[in-house]
């Protein structure tokens, strides 16, 4: 026979409207902070729980979870963090280079 695809673990992912999306009109250039986006996701999850409770499991938060992705980045330039150290990212920018442990050690030895 050969390979067969088995489908399982169906889920629904709901995302809030983008900033500036007012339904009939869409404005460009508007942005949300991370905190505003998180609050809007929690509000959407609450609305789904209230309106769809008979379709959701009865454990946890009624089967509606707000999740997010975490990415380690440099606090100064936003470059993806690729080092084991939590204070120095290999000199990805001038401000990061100031946290180079070798340079700091040389300054302390002087």
PDB file of N, CA and C in Angstrom:
ATOM      1  N   UNK A   1       0.839  -1.185   0.000  1.00  0.00           N
ATOM      2  CA  UNK A   1       0.000   0.000   0.000  1.00  0.00           C
ATOM      3  C   UNK A   1       0.880   1.243   0.000  1.00  0.00           C
ATOM      4  N   UNK A   2       1.477   1.660   1.065  1.00  0.00           N
ATOM      5  CA  UNK A   2       2.278   2.871   1.075  1.00  0.00           C
ATOM      6  C   UNK A   2       1.922   3.776   2.233  1.00  0.00           C
ATOM      7  N   UNK A   3       2.369   4.984   2.153  1.00  0.00           N
ATOM      8  CA  UNK A   3       2.140   5.940   3.225  1.00  0.00           C
ATOM      9  C   UNK A   3       0.678   6.359   3.290  1.00  0.00           C
ATOM     10  N   UNK A   4       0.222   6.561   4.508  1.00  0.00           N
ATOM     11  CA  UNK A   4      -1.132   7.040   4.758  1.00  0.00           C
ATOM     12  C   UNK A   4      -1.034   8.229   5.704  1.00  0.00           C
ATOM     13  N   UNK A   5      -1.822   9.237   5.495  1.00  0.00           N
ATOM     14  CA  UNK A   5      -1.829  10.392   6.392  1.00  0.00           C
ATOM     15  C   UNK A   5      -2.964  10.218   7.386  1.00  0.00           C
ATOM     16  N   UNK A   6      -2.624  10.281   8.661  1.00  0.00           N
ATOM     17  CA  UNK A   6      -3.600  10.156   9.738  1.00  0.00           C
ATOM     18  C   UNK A   6      -3.797  11.531  10.357  1.00  0.00           C
ATOM     19  N   UNK A   7      -5.004  12.021  10.397  1.00  0.00           N
ATOM     20  CA  UNK A   7      -5.305  13.325  10.972  1.00  0.00           C
ATOM     21  C   UNK A   7      -5.770  13.157  12.410  1.00  0.00           C
ATOM     22  N   UNK A   8      -5.300  14.049  13.288  1.00  0.00           N
ATOM     23  CA  UNK A   8      -5.704  14.001  14.689  1.00  0.00           C
ATOM     24  C   UNK A   8      -5.434  15.351  15.343  1.00  0.00           C
ATOM     25  N   UNK A   9      -5.837  15.474  16.589  1.00  0.00           N
ATOM     26  CA  UNK A   9      -5.552  16.653  17.404  1.00  0.00           C
ATOM     27  C   UNK A   9      -5.952  17.966  16.730  1.00  0.00           C
ATOM     28  N   UNK A  10      -7.179  18.030  16.272  1.00  0.00           N
ATOM     29  CA  UNK A  10      -7.670  19.259  15.644  1.00  0.00           C
ATOM     30  C   UNK A  10      -7.764  20.383  16.664  1.00  0.00           C
ATOM     31  N   UNK A  11      -7.409  21.577  16.263  1.00  0.00           N
ATOM     32  CA  UNK A  11      -7.485  22.761  17.110  1.00  0.00           C
ATOM     33  C   UNK A  11      -7.944  23.937  16.263  1.00  0.00           C
ATOM     34  N   UNK A  12      -8.437  24.950  16.933  1.00  0.00           N
ATOM     35  CA  UNK A  12      -8.797  26.195  16.276  1.00  0.00           C
ATOM     36  C   UNK A  12      -7.884  27.277  16.831  1.00  0.00           C
ATOM     37  N   UNK A  13      -7.335  28.073  15.953  1.00  0.00           N
ATOM     38  CA  UNK A  13      -6.491  29.188  16.385  1.00  0.00           C
ATOM     39  C   UNK A  13      -7.222  30.479  16.018  1.00  0.00           C
ATOM     40  N   UNK A  14      -7.496  31.297  17.001  1.00  0.00           N
ATOM     41  CA  UNK A  14      -8.185  32.568  16.777  1.00  0.00           C
ATOM     42  C   UNK A  14      -7.221  33.704  17.056  1.00  0.00           C
ATOM     43  N   UNK A  15      -7.106  34.622  16.126  1.00  0.00           N
ATOM     44  CA  UNK A  15      -6.227  35.781  16.282  1.00  0.00           C
ATOM     45  C   UNK A  15      -7.072  37.044  16.251  1.00  0.00           C
ATOM     46  N   UNK A  16      -6.756  38.011  17.099  1.00  0.00           N
ATOM     47  CA  UNK A  16      -7.513  39.266  17.083  1.00  0.00           C
ATOM     48  C   UNK A  16      -7.245  40.041  15.801  1.00  0.00           C
ATOM     49  N   UNK A  17      -8.148  40.946  15.481  1.00  0.00           N
ATOM     50  CA  UNK A  17      -7.949  41.811  14.319  1.00  0.00           C
ATOM     51  C   UNK A  17      -6.627  42.547  14.444  1.00  0.00           C
ATOM     52  N   UNK A  18      -6.027  42.816  13.317  1.00  0.00           N
ATOM     53  CA  UNK A  18      -4.798  43.597  13.306  1.00  0.00           C
ATOM     54  C   UNK A  18      -5.067  45.025  13.740  1.00  0.00           C
ATOM     55  N   UNK A  19      -4.043  45.697  14.245  1.00  0.00           N
ATOM     56  CA  UNK A  19      -4.240  47.085  14.656  1.00  0.00           C
ATOM     57  C   UNK A  19      -4.611  47.903  13.431  1.00  0.00           C
ATOM     58  N   UNK A  20      -5.565  48.782  13.593  1.00  0.00           N
ATOM     59  CA  UNK A  20      -6.039  49.601  12.486  1.00  0.00           C
ATOM     60  C   UNK A  20      -7.148  48.959  11.680  1.00  0.00           C
ATOM     61  N   UNK A  21      -7.528  47.707  11.997  1.00  0.00           N
ATOM     62  CA  UNK A  21      -8.602  47.021  11.278  1.00  0.00           C
ATOM     63  C   UNK A  21      -9.911  47.273  12.011  1.00  0.00           C
ATOM     64  N   UNK A  22     -10.750  48.091  11.426  1.00  0.00           N
ATOM     65  CA  UNK A  22     -12.026  48.452  12.042  1.00  0.00           C
ATOM     66  C   UNK A  22     -13.210  47.789  11.344  1.00  0.00           C
ATOM     67  N   UNK A  23     -12.966  46.697  10.645  1.00  0.00           N
ATOM     68  CA  UNK A  23     -14.039  45.979   9.969  1.00  0.00           C
ATOM     69  C   UNK A  23     -14.270  46.494   8.564  1.00  0.00           C
ATOM     70  N   UNK A  24     -14.924  47.640   8.438  1.00  0.00           N
ATOM     71  CA  UNK A  24     -15.192  48.181   7.105  1.00  0.00           C
ATOM     72  C   UNK A  24     -14.067  49.090   6.611  1.00  0.00           C
ATOM     73  N   UNK A  25     -13.200  49.520   7.519  1.00  0.00           N
ATOM     74  CA  UNK A  25     -12.088  50.404   7.171  1.00  0.00           C
ATOM     75  C   UNK A  25     -10.815  49.864   7.799  1.00  0.00           C
ATOM     76  N   UNK A  26      -9.731  49.964   7.058  1.00  0.00           N
ATOM     77  CA  UNK A  26      -8.446  49.531   7.599  1.00  0.00           C
ATOM     78  C   UNK A  26      -7.456  50.691   7.505  1.00  0.00           C
ATOM     79  N   UNK A  27      -6.910  51.070   8.645  1.00  0.00           N
ATOM     80  CA  UNK A  27      -5.946  52.164   8.719  1.00  0.00           C
ATOM     81  C   UNK A  27      -4.543  51.569   8.830  1.00  0.00           C
ATOM     82  N   UNK A  28      -3.621  52.068   8.031  1.00  0.00           N
ATOM     83  CA  UNK A  28      -2.244  51.582   8.115  1.00  0.00           C
ATOM     84  C   UNK A  28      -1.451  52.468   9.067  1.00  0.00           C
ATOM     85  N   UNK A  29      -0.351  51.951   9.528  1.00  0.00           N
ATOM     86  CA  UNK A  29       0.524  52.731  10.386  1.00  0.00           C
ATOM     87  C   UNK A  29       0.208  52.653  11.864  1.00  0.00           C
ATOM     88  N   UNK A  30      -0.849  51.948  12.251  1.00  0.00           N
ATOM     89  CA  UNK A  30      -1.172  51.806  13.671  1.00  0.00           C
ATOM     90  C   UNK A  30      -0.523  50.537  14.210  1.00  0.00           C
ATOM     91  N   UNK A  31       0.005  50.627  15.418  1.00  0.00           N
ATOM     92  CA  UNK A  31       0.692  49.482  16.022  1.00  0.00           C
ATOM     93  C   UNK A  31       0.265  49.342  17.479  1.00  0.00           C
ATOM     94  N   UNK A  32       0.242  48.090  17.957  1.00  0.00           N
ATOM     95  CA  UNK A  32      -0.051  47.803  19.361  1.00  0.00           C
ATOM     96  C   UNK A  32       1.234  47.459  20.083  1.00  0.00           C
ATOM     97  N   UNK A  33       1.243  47.736  21.378  1.00  0.00           N
ATOM     98  CA  UNK A  33       2.353  47.266  22.200  1.00  0.00           C
ATOM     99  C   UNK A  33       2.130  45.780  22.474  1.00  0.00           C
ATOM    100  N   UNK A  34       3.151  45.108  22.957  1.00  0.00           N
ATOM    101  CA  UNK A  34       3.021  43.692  23.311  1.00  0.00           C
ATOM    102  C   UNK A  34       1.947  43.525  24.379  1.00  0.00           C
ATOM    103  N   UNK A  35       1.918  44.440  25.338  1.00  0.00           N
ATOM    104  CA  UNK A  35       0.932  44.358  26.425  1.00  0.00           C
ATOM    105  C   UNK A  35      -0.492  44.537  25.893  1.00  0.00           C
ATOM    106  N   UNK A  36      -0.677  45.473  24.963  1.00  0.00           N
ATOM    107  CA  UNK A  36      -2.007  45.681  24.371  1.00  0.00           C
ATOM    108  C   UNK A  36      -2.455  44.456  23.587  1.00  0.00           C
ATOM    109  N   UNK A  37      -1.521  43.841  22.845  1.00  0.00           N
ATOM    110  CA  UNK A  37      -1.859  42.643  22.065  1.00  0.00           C
ATOM    111  C   UNK A  37      -2.221  41.482  22.989  1.00  0.00           C
ATOM    112  N   UNK A  38      -1.473  41.311  24.074  1.00  0.00           N
ATOM    113  CA  UNK A  38      -1.764  40.243  25.033  1.00  0.00           C
ATOM    114  C   UNK A  38      -3.146  40.451  25.654  1.00  0.00           C
ATOM    115  N   UNK A  39      -3.458  41.683  26.053  1.00  0.00           N
ATOM    116  CA  UNK A  39      -4.756  41.982  26.655  1.00  0.00           C
ATOM    117  C   UNK A  39      -5.883  41.713  25.668  1.00  0.00           C
ATOM    118  N   UNK A  40      -5.691  42.048  24.401  1.00  0.00           N
ATOM    119  CA  UNK A  40      -6.712  41.805  23.387  1.00  0.00           C
ATOM    120  C   UNK A  40      -6.919  40.307  23.174  1.00  0.00           C
ATOM    121  N   UNK A  41      -5.847  39.532  23.202  1.00  0.00           N
ATOM    122  CA  UNK A  41      -5.959  38.073  23.081  1.00  0.00           C
ATOM    123  C   UNK A  41      -6.731  37.491  24.265  1.00  0.00           C
ATOM    124  N   UNK A  42      -6.453  37.977  25.470  1.00  0.00           N
ATOM    125  CA  UNK A  42      -7.182  37.502  26.655  1.00  0.00           C
ATOM    126  C   UNK A  42      -8.665  37.851  26.542  1.00  0.00           C
ATOM    127  N   UNK A  43      -8.964  39.038  26.028  1.00  0.00           N
ATOM    128  CA  UNK A  43     -10.354  39.460  25.840  1.00  0.00           C
ATOM    129  C   UNK A  43     -11.059  38.568  24.819  1.00  0.00           C
ATOM    130  N   UNK A  44     -10.367  38.229  23.728  1.00  0.00           N
ATOM    131  CA  UNK A  44     -10.931  37.336  22.711  1.00  0.00           C
ATOM    132  C   UNK A  44     -11.173  35.944  23.295  1.00  0.00           C
ATOM    133  N   UNK A  45     -10.224  35.436  24.071  1.00  0.00           N
ATOM    134  CA  UNK A  45     -10.376  34.114  24.695  1.00  0.00           C
ATOM    135  C   UNK A  45     -11.577  34.102  25.640  1.00  0.00           C
ATOM    136  N   UNK A  46     -11.735  35.166  26.411  1.00  0.00           N
ATOM    137  CA  UNK A  46     -12.871  35.266  27.332  1.00  0.00           C
ATOM    138  C   UNK A  46     -14.193  35.257  26.566  1.00  0.00           C
ATOM    139  N   UNK A  47     -14.248  35.987  25.459  1.00  0.00           N
ATOM    140  CA  UNK A  47     -15.467  36.029  24.646  1.00  0.00           C
ATOM    141  C   UNK A  47     -15.792  34.653  24.069  1.00  0.00           C
ATOM    142  N   UNK A  48     -14.779  33.933  23.628  1.00  0.00           N
ATOM    143  CA  UNK A  48     -15.003  32.583  23.090  1.00  0.00           C
ATOM    144  C   UNK A  48     -15.523  31.660  24.190  1.00  0.00           C
ATOM    145  N   UNK A  49     -14.929  31.739  25.386  1.00  0.00           N
ATOM    146  CA  UNK A  49     -15.391  30.907  26.507  1.00  0.00           C
ATOM    147  C   UNK A  49     -16.851  31.187  26.838  1.00  0.00           C
ATOM    148  N   UNK A  50     -17.237  32.464  26.844  1.00  0.00           N
ATOM    149  CA  UNK A  50     -18.614  32.832  27.194  1.00  0.00           C
ATOM    150  C   UNK A  50     -19.624  32.373  26.148  1.00  0.00           C
ATOM    151  N   UNK A  51     -19.276  32.508  24.887  1.00  0.00           N
ATOM    152  CA  UNK A  51     -20.240  32.245  23.821  1.00  0.00           C
ATOM    153  C   UNK A  51     -20.256  30.793  23.349  1.00  0.00           C
ATOM    154  N   UNK A  52     -19.194  30.040  23.651  1.00  0.00           N
ATOM    155  CA  UNK A  52     -19.087  28.676  23.132  1.00  0.00           C
ATOM    156  C   UNK A  52     -18.904  27.647  24.238  1.00  0.00           C
ATOM    157  N   UNK A  53     -19.326  27.951  25.433  1.00  0.00           N
ATOM    158  CA  UNK A  53     -19.058  27.074  26.576  1.00  0.00           C
ATOM    159  C   UNK A  53     -19.595  25.654  26.376  1.00  0.00           C
ATOM    160  N   UNK A  54     -20.707  25.499  25.668  1.00  0.00           N
ATOM    161  CA  UNK A  54     -21.270  24.151  25.482  1.00  0.00           C
ATOM    162  C   UNK A  54     -20.441  23.297  24.531  1.00  0.00           C
ATOM    163  N   UNK A  55     -19.534  23.903  23.784  1.00  0.00           N
ATOM    164  CA  UNK A  55     -18.698  23.160  22.842  1.00  0.00           C
ATOM    165  C   UNK A  55     -17.288  22.906  23.369  1.00  0.00           C
ATOM    166  N   UNK A  56     -16.964  23.485  24.512  1.00  0.00           N
ATOM    167  CA  UNK A  56     -15.609  23.408  25.037  1.00  0.00           C
ATOM    168  C   UNK A  56     -15.495  22.375  26.151  1.00  0.00           C
ATOM    169  N   UNK A  57     -14.288  21.807  26.341  1.00  0.00           N
ATOM    170  CA  UNK A  57     -14.097  20.878  27.458  1.00  0.00           C
ATOM    171  C   UNK A  57     -14.264  21.607  28.783  1.00  0.00           C
ATOM    172  N   UNK A  58     -14.481  20.869  29.839  1.00  0.00           N
ATOM    173  CA  UNK A  58     -14.761  21.474  31.144  1.00  0.00           C
ATOM    174  C   UNK A  58     -13.535  21.549  32.049  1.00  0.00           C
ATOM    175  N   UNK A  59     -12.333  21.359  31.525  1.00  0.00           N
ATOM    176  CA  UNK A  59     -11.118  21.428  32.333  1.00  0.00           C
ATOM    177  C   UNK A  59     -10.316  22.673  31.971  1.00  0.00           C
ATOM    178  N   UNK A  60      -9.400  23.011  32.845  1.00  0.00           N
ATOM    179  CA  UNK A  60      -8.521  24.148  32.578  1.00  0.00           C
ATOM    180  C   UNK A  60      -9.302  25.429  32.393  1.00  0.00           C
ATOM    181  N   UNK A  61      -8.964  26.169  31.363  1.00  0.00           N
ATOM    182  CA  UNK A  61      -9.659  27.411  31.054  1.00  0.00           C
ATOM    183  C   UNK A  61     -10.698  27.142  29.970  1.00  0.00           C
ATOM    184  N   UNK A  62     -11.476  26.103  30.159  1.00  0.00           N
ATOM    185  CA  UNK A  62     -12.514  25.723  29.204  1.00  0.00           C
ATOM    186  C   UNK A  62     -11.959  25.493  27.808  1.00  0.00           C
ATOM    187  N   UNK A  63     -10.731  24.999  27.722  1.00  0.00           N
ATOM    188  CA  UNK A  63     -10.159  24.636  26.434  1.00  0.00           C
ATOM    189  C   UNK A  63      -9.684  25.803  25.594  1.00  0.00           C
ATOM    190  N   UNK A  64      -9.765  27.023  26.093  1.00  0.00           N
ATOM    191  CA  UNK A  64      -9.298  28.191  25.350  1.00  0.00           C
ATOM    192  C   UNK A  64      -8.038  28.710  26.050  1.00  0.00           C
ATOM    193  N   UNK A  65      -6.935  28.685  25.339  1.00  0.00           N
ATOM    194  CA  UNK A  65      -5.659  29.095  25.917  1.00  0.00           C
ATOM    195  C   UNK A  65      -5.062  30.235  25.110  1.00  0.00           C
ATOM    196  N   UNK A  66      -4.461  31.182  25.789  1.00  0.00           N
ATOM    197  CA  UNK A  66      -3.696  32.231  25.127  1.00  0.00           C
ATOM    198  C   UNK A  66      -2.230  31.831  25.245  1.00  0.00           C
ATOM    199  N   UNK A  67      -1.579  31.659  24.118  1.00  0.00           N
ATOM    200  CA  UNK A  67      -0.173  31.263  24.111  1.00  0.00           C
ATOM    201  C   UNK A  67       0.641  32.323  23.379  1.00  0.00           C
ATOM    202  N   UNK A  68       1.945  32.234  23.526  1.00  0.00           N
ATOM    203  CA  UNK A  68       2.840  33.152  22.825  1.00  0.00           C
ATOM    204  C   UNK A  68       4.171  32.461  22.571  1.00  0.00           C
ATOM    205  N   UNK A  69       4.942  33.045  21.698  1.00  0.00           N
ATOM    206  CA  UNK A  69       6.273  32.544  21.383  1.00  0.00           C
ATOM    207  C   UNK A  69       7.295  33.469  22.026  1.00  0.00           C
ATOM    208  N   UNK A  70       8.312  32.889  22.592  1.00  0.00           N
ATOM    209  CA  UNK A  70       9.388  33.688  23.173  1.00  0.00           C
ATOM    210  C   UNK A  70      10.636  33.535  22.316  1.00  0.00           C
ATOM    211  N   UNK A  71      11.237  34.655  21.972  1.00  0.00           N
ATOM    212  CA  UNK A  71      12.468  34.663  21.197  1.00  0.00           C
ATOM    213  C   UNK A  71      13.492  35.502  21.946  1.00  0.00           C
ATOM    214  N   UNK A  72      14.647  34.941  22.176  1.00  0.00           N
ATOM    215  CA  UNK A  72      15.708  35.691  22.860  1.00  0.00           C
ATOM    216  C   UNK A  72      16.368  36.628  21.859  1.00  0.00           C
ATOM    217  N   UNK A  73      16.376  37.921  22.177  1.00  0.00           N
ATOM    218  CA  UNK A  73      16.976  38.931  21.299  1.00  0.00           C
ATOM    219  C   UNK A  73      17.821  39.897  22.126  1.00  0.00           C
ATOM    220  N   UNK A  74      18.697  40.613  21.458  1.00  0.00           N
ATOM    221  CA  UNK A  74      19.504  41.650  22.109  1.00  0.00           C
ATOM    222  C   UNK A  74      18.592  42.806  22.497  1.00  0.00           C
ATOM    223  N   UNK A  75      18.713  43.268  23.733  1.00  0.00           N
ATOM    224  CA  UNK A  75      17.860  44.360  24.196  1.00  0.00           C
ATOM    225  C   UNK A  75      18.181  45.683  23.520  1.00  0.00           C
ATOM    226  N   UNK A  76      19.351  45.787  22.912  1.00  0.00           N
ATOM    227  CA  UNK A  76      19.770  47.050  22.300  1.00  0.00           C
ATOM    228  C   UNK A  76      19.399  47.132  20.818  1.00  0.00           C
ATOM    229  N   UNK A  77      19.664  46.066  20.056  1.00  0.00           N
ATOM    230  CA  UNK A  77      19.446  46.134  18.602  1.00  0.00           C
ATOM    231  C   UNK A  77      18.385  45.166  18.089  1.00  0.00           C
ATOM    232  N   UNK A  78      17.910  44.234  18.942  1.00  0.00           N
ATOM    233  CA  UNK A  78      16.872  43.294  18.522  1.00  0.00           C
ATOM    234  C   UNK A  78      17.386  42.081  17.758  1.00  0.00           C
ATOM    235  N   UNK A  79      18.699  41.942  17.612  1.00  0.00           N
ATOM    236  CA  UNK A  79      19.283  40.800  16.905  1.00  0.00           C
ATOM    237  C   UNK A  79      19.008  39.512  17.671  1.00  0.00           C
ATOM    238  N   UNK A  80      18.759  38.418  16.958  1.00  0.00           N
ATOM    239  CA  UNK A  80      18.496  37.114  17.595  1.00  0.00           C
ATOM    240  C   UNK A  80      19.677  36.736  18.484  1.00  0.00           C
ATOM    241  N   UNK A  81      19.365  36.294  19.705  1.00  0.00           N
ATOM    242  CA  UNK A  81      20.380  35.926  20.695  1.00  0.00           C
ATOM    243  C   UNK A  81      20.921  34.550  20.362  1.00  0.00           C
ATOM    244  N   UNK A  82      22.242  34.452  20.163  1.00  0.00           N
ATOM    245  CA  UNK A  82      22.828  33.173  19.777  1.00  0.00           C
ATOM    246  C   UNK A  82      23.880  32.654  20.730  1.00  0.00           C
ATOM    247  N   UNK A  83      24.024  33.282  21.878  1.00  0.00           N
ATOM    248  CA  UNK A  83      25.077  32.903  22.814  1.00  0.00           C
ATOM    249  C   UNK A  83      24.495  32.275  24.077  1.00  0.00           C
ATOM    250  N   UNK A  84      25.327  31.548  24.808  1.00  0.00           N
ATOM    251  CA  UNK A  84      24.918  30.969  26.092  1.00  0.00           C
ATOM    252  C   UNK A  84      24.811  32.039  27.167  1.00  0.00           C
ATOM    253  N   UNK A  85      25.669  33.058  27.085  1.00  0.00           N
ATOM    254  CA  UNK A  85      25.676  34.143  28.051  1.00  0.00           C
ATOM    255  C   UNK A  85      24.348  34.896  28.010  1.00  0.00           C
ATOM    256  N   UNK A  86      23.935  35.411  29.164  1.00  0.00           N
ATOM    257  CA  UNK A  86      22.704  36.210  29.206  1.00  0.00           C
ATOM    258  C   UNK A  86      22.994  37.704  29.180  1.00  0.00           C
ATOM    259  N   UNK A  87      24.287  38.080  29.133  1.00  0.00           N
ATOM    260  CA  UNK A  87      24.641  39.501  29.131  1.00  0.00           C
ATOM    261  C   UNK A  87      25.421  39.928  27.889  1.00  0.00           C
ATOM    262  N   UNK A  88      25.962  38.976  27.130  1.00  0.00           N
ATOM    263  CA  UNK A  88      26.778  39.318  25.965  1.00  0.00           C
ATOM    264  C   UNK A  88      26.409  38.420  24.792  1.00  0.00           C
ATOM    265  N   UNK A  89      26.053  39.038  23.648  1.00  0.00           N
ATOM    266  CA  UNK A  89      25.605  38.288  22.473  1.00  0.00           C
ATOM    267  C   UNK A  89      26.645  38.286  21.356  1.00  0.00           C
ATOM    268  N   UNK A  90      27.909  38.186  21.715  1.00  0.00           N
ATOM    269  CA  UNK A  90      28.949  38.071  20.699  1.00  0.00           C
ATOM    270  C   UNK A  90      29.285  39.371  19.987  1.00  0.00           C
ATOM    271  N   UNK A  91      28.804  40.497  20.512  1.00  0.00           N
ATOM    272  CA  UNK A  91      29.117  41.784  19.897  1.00  0.00           C
ATOM    273  C   UNK A  91      28.229  42.118  18.716  1.00  0.00           C
ATOM    274  N   UNK A  92      26.940  41.806  18.812  1.00  0.00           N
ATOM    275  CA  UNK A  92      26.018  42.055  17.701  1.00  0.00           C
ATOM    276  C   UNK A  92      25.830  43.543  17.416  1.00  0.00           C
ATOM    277  N   UNK A  93      26.143  44.400  18.379  1.00  0.00           N
ATOM    278  CA  UNK A  93      26.058  45.849  18.194  1.00  0.00           C
ATOM    279  C   UNK A  93      27.040  46.509  19.159  1.00  0.00           C
ATOM    280  N   UNK A  94      27.237  47.801  19.010  1.00  0.00           N
ATOM    281  CA  UNK A  94      28.207  48.516  19.857  1.00  0.00           C
ATOM    282  C   UNK A  94      27.855  48.429  21.339  1.00  0.00           C
ATOM    283  N   UNK A  95      26.568  48.586  21.663  1.00  0.00           N
ATOM    284  CA  UNK A  95      26.163  48.529  23.073  1.00  0.00           C
ATOM    285  C   UNK A  95      26.388  47.138  23.655  1.00  0.00           C
ATOM    286  N   UNK A  96      26.133  46.099  22.852  1.00  0.00           N
ATOM    287  CA  UNK A  96      26.369  44.730  23.319  1.00  0.00           C
ATOM    288  C   UNK A  96      27.860  44.499  23.533  1.00  0.00           C
ATOM    289  N   UNK A  97      28.676  45.027  22.646  1.00  0.00           N
ATOM    290  CA  UNK A  97      30.133  44.836  22.755  1.00  0.00           C
ATOM    291  C   UNK A  97      30.672  45.394  24.063  1.00  0.00           C
ATOM    292  N   UNK A  98      30.014  46.408  24.605  1.00  0.00           N
ATOM    293  CA  UNK A  98      30.437  46.970  25.889  1.00  0.00           C
ATOM    294  C   UNK A  98      30.260  45.969  27.035  1.00  0.00           C
ATOM    295  N   UNK A  99      29.484  44.897  26.803  1.00  0.00           N
ATOM    296  CA  UNK A  99      29.267  43.859  27.814  1.00  0.00           C
ATOM    297  C   UNK A  99      30.150  42.632  27.581  1.00  0.00           C
ATOM    298  N   UNK A 100      31.113  42.753  26.661  1.00  0.00           N
ATOM    299  CA  UNK A 100      32.029  41.654  26.358  1.00  0.00           C
ATOM    300  C   UNK A 100      32.818  41.314  27.619  1.00  0.00           C
ATOM    301  N   UNK A 101      32.700  40.082  28.127  1.00  0.00           N
ATOM    302  CA  UNK A 101      33.387  39.710  29.365  1.00  0.00           C
ATOM    303  C   UNK A 101      34.904  39.856  29.266  1.00  0.00           C
ATOM    304  N   UNK A 102      35.488  39.626  28.086  1.00  0.00           N
ATOM    305  CA  UNK A 102      36.933  39.752  27.928  1.00  0.00           C
ATOM    306  C   UNK A 102      37.364  41.215  28.078  1.00  0.00           C
ATOM    307  N   UNK A 103      36.575  42.138  27.487  1.00  0.00           N
ATOM    308  CA  UNK A 103      36.893  43.567  27.613  1.00  0.00           C
ATOM    309  C   UNK A 103      36.698  44.033  29.054  1.00  0.00           C
ATOM    310  N   UNK A 104      35.645  43.560  29.702  1.00  0.00           N
ATOM    311  CA  UNK A 104      35.397  43.932  31.086  1.00  0.00           C
ATOM    312  C   UNK A 104      36.500  43.421  31.994  1.00  0.00           C
ATOM    313  N   UNK A 105      36.996  42.221  31.718  1.00  0.00           N
ATOM    314  CA  UNK A 105      38.071  41.643  32.511  1.00  0.00           C
ATOM    315  C   UNK A 105      39.344  42.472  32.350  1.00  0.00           C
ATOM    316  N   UNK A 106      39.634  42.893  31.106  1.00  0.00           N
ATOM    317  CA  UNK A 106      40.824  43.714  30.853  1.00  0.00           C
ATOM    318  C   UNK A 106      40.732  45.039  31.583  1.00  0.00           C
ATOM    319  N   UNK A 107      39.522  45.640  31.597  1.00  0.00           N
ATOM    320  CA  UNK A 107      39.335  46.925  32.304  1.00  0.00           C
ATOM    321  C   UNK A 107      39.533  46.742  33.802  1.00  0.00           C
ATOM    322  N   UNK A 108      39.059  45.630  34.351  1.00  0.00           N
ATOM    323  CA  UNK A 108      39.197  45.381  35.787  1.00  0.00           C
ATOM    324  C   UNK A 108      40.637  45.059  36.168  1.00  0.00           C
ATOM    325  N   UNK A 109      41.380  44.419  35.250  1.00  0.00           N
ATOM    326  CA  UNK A 109      42.779  44.074  35.511  1.00  0.00           C
ATOM    327  C   UNK A 109      43.685  45.310  35.469  1.00  0.00           C
ATOM    328  N   UNK A 110      43.248  46.342  34.757  1.00  0.00           N
ATOM    329  CA  UNK A 110      44.066  47.548  34.616  1.00  0.00           C
ATOM    330  C   UNK A 110      44.080  48.405  35.848  1.00  0.00           C
TER     331      UNK A 110
END
